[in-house]
C-alpha cells in the first residue's frame, strides 16, 4: 500500500466522549498527522513543478503557523496550571528545555510568546 493511500485511509474520527478518552483521541490524531507527514515526505518532490513547489511551501508555512499557535496555547495552559517543581524544574523554562530538548533561551522565548498570545 502506498504511503498516500495509507494517509488517506487513516482518517481521524470526530470527537465522541463515549468512544475513547480525550488522551486517546489526541494520540490518535497526532498519529494521523505523523502518518500524513511521512506520506508527504516520501513523495518524490522532484516531480513537482516550480509553481507546485511554491504552493507546497506556502501550505507548509500555513500548517507551521497553526502548529505553533497550538504549541503556544498548550504551553500557556501548562504554565498557568501549576508549579514547575511538580515536573522537577526550578522554572518553566527549565522544565521545557529539558522535556523538549531545547535551549533555556528558546524555552523562555516560547513561554513569552505563550503569555502574550
Protein backbone atom coordinates (compact mmCIF):
# COMPACT_ATOMS: atom_id res chain seq x y z
CA UNK A 1 0.00 0.00 0.00
CA UNK A 2 1.46 3.36 -0.94
CA UNK A 3 2.17 6.00 1.69
CA UNK A 4 -0.50 8.25 0.15
CA UNK A 5 -3.20 5.58 0.36
CA UNK A 6 -2.18 4.86 3.95
CA UNK A 7 -2.56 8.55 4.79
CA UNK A 8 -5.92 8.89 3.07
CA UNK A 9 -7.37 5.83 4.77
CA UNK A 10 -6.08 6.81 8.22
CA UNK A 11 -8.78 9.40 8.99
CA UNK A 12 -9.38 10.99 12.35
CA UNK A 13 -12.85 10.17 13.63
CA UNK A 14 -14.67 13.14 15.17
CA UNK A 15 -14.86 13.67 18.89
CA UNK A 16 -17.18 11.39 20.80
CA UNK A 17 -16.57 11.24 24.54
CA UNK A 18 -18.33 7.86 24.73
CA UNK A 19 -15.87 6.24 22.29
CA UNK A 20 -12.48 6.87 23.87
CA UNK A 21 -10.77 9.21 26.28
CA UNK A 22 -9.55 12.64 25.20
CA UNK A 23 -5.97 11.43 25.62
CA UNK A 24 -6.56 8.50 23.27
CA UNK A 25 -8.23 10.78 20.72
CA UNK A 26 -5.34 13.24 20.84
CA UNK A 27 -2.77 10.47 20.43
CA UNK A 28 -4.77 9.06 17.51
CA UNK A 29 -4.95 12.47 15.86
CA UNK A 30 -1.21 13.01 16.32
CA UNK A 31 -0.52 9.56 14.85
CA UNK A 32 -2.63 10.55 11.84
CA UNK A 33 -0.66 13.78 11.46
CA UNK A 34 2.61 11.83 11.66
CA UNK A 35 1.36 9.40 9.01
CA UNK A 36 0.42 12.36 6.82
CA UNK A 37 3.82 13.94 7.29
CA UNK A 38 5.54 10.68 6.32
CA UNK A 39 3.35 10.39 3.23
CA UNK A 40 4.23 13.91 2.10
CA UNK A 41 7.92 13.46 2.96
CA UNK A 42 8.04 10.24 0.91
CA UNK A 43 6.60 11.93 -2.16
CA UNK A 44 9.17 12.48 -4.95
CA UNK A 45 9.39 16.27 -4.68
CA UNK A 46 11.48 16.45 -7.85
CA UNK A 47 8.35 15.59 -9.82
CA UNK A 48 6.66 18.84 -8.78
CA UNK A 49 6.78 21.90 -10.97
CA UNK A 50 8.30 25.11 -9.64
CA UNK A 51 4.84 26.60 -9.02
CA UNK A 52 3.72 23.41 -7.25
CA UNK A 53 6.81 23.63 -5.02
CA UNK A 54 5.96 27.24 -4.19
CA UNK A 55 2.39 26.22 -3.36
CA UNK A 56 3.65 23.36 -1.18
CA UNK A 57 5.98 25.73 0.68
CA UNK A 58 3.10 28.13 1.28
CA UNK A 59 0.93 25.31 2.60
CA UNK A 60 3.70 24.06 4.87
CA UNK A 61 4.17 27.59 6.21
CA UNK A 62 0.44 27.80 6.92
CA UNK A 63 0.50 24.48 8.76
CA UNK A 64 3.60 25.54 10.69
CA UNK A 65 1.86 28.70 11.91
CA UNK A 66 -1.16 26.69 13.04
CA UNK A 67 1.09 24.21 14.84
CA UNK A 68 2.99 27.00 16.61
CA UNK A 69 -0.32 28.54 17.71
CA UNK A 70 -1.40 25.23 19.24
CA UNK A 71 2.02 24.79 20.84
CA UNK A 72 1.84 28.22 22.48
CA UNK A 73 -1.70 27.59 23.69
CA UNK A 74 -0.60 24.34 25.29
CA UNK A 75 2.44 25.98 26.90
CA UNK A 76 0.21 28.78 28.20
CA UNK A 77 -2.16 26.31 29.82
CA UNK A 78 0.73 24.31 31.27
CA UNK A 79 2.44 27.28 32.92
CA UNK A 80 -0.85 28.71 34.18
CA UNK A 81 -1.79 25.45 35.81
CA UNK A 82 0.82 24.97 38.47
CA UNK A 83 4.30 24.89 39.84
CA UNK A 84 7.27 23.79 37.68
CA UNK A 85 8.66 21.96 40.72
CA UNK A 86 5.96 19.31 40.14
CA UNK A 87 7.88 18.44 36.97
CA UNK A 88 11.26 18.59 38.68
CA UNK A 89 12.24 22.04 37.48
CA UNK A 90 13.15 25.31 39.09
CA UNK A 91 11.33 27.28 36.38
CA UNK A 92 9.07 26.61 33.41
CA UNK A 93 11.98 27.41 31.09
CA UNK A 94 13.99 24.72 32.88
CA UNK A 95 11.17 22.18 32.55
CA UNK A 96 10.54 22.91 28.86
CA UNK A 97 14.21 22.98 27.92
CA UNK A 98 14.75 19.54 29.43
CA UNK A 99 11.48 18.00 28.20
CA UNK A 100 11.69 19.41 24.67
CA UNK A 101 15.49 19.30 24.44
CA UNK A 102 15.73 22.96 23.54
CA UNK A 103 17.91 25.70 24.96
CA UNK A 104 16.69 27.56 28.05
CA UNK A 105 16.63 30.74 25.93
CA UNK A 106 14.37 29.10 23.34
CA UNK A 107 12.14 27.79 26.14
CA UNK A 108 11.90 31.28 27.62
CA UNK A 109 11.05 32.73 24.19
CA UNK A 110 8.21 30.23 23.76
CA UNK A 111 6.90 30.98 27.25
CA UNK A 112 6.94 34.70 26.45
CA UNK A 113 5.00 34.07 23.24
CA UNK A 114 2.52 31.88 25.11
CA UNK A 115 1.94 34.58 27.72
CA UNK A 116 1.37 37.26 25.07
CA UNK A 117 -0.99 35.11 22.98
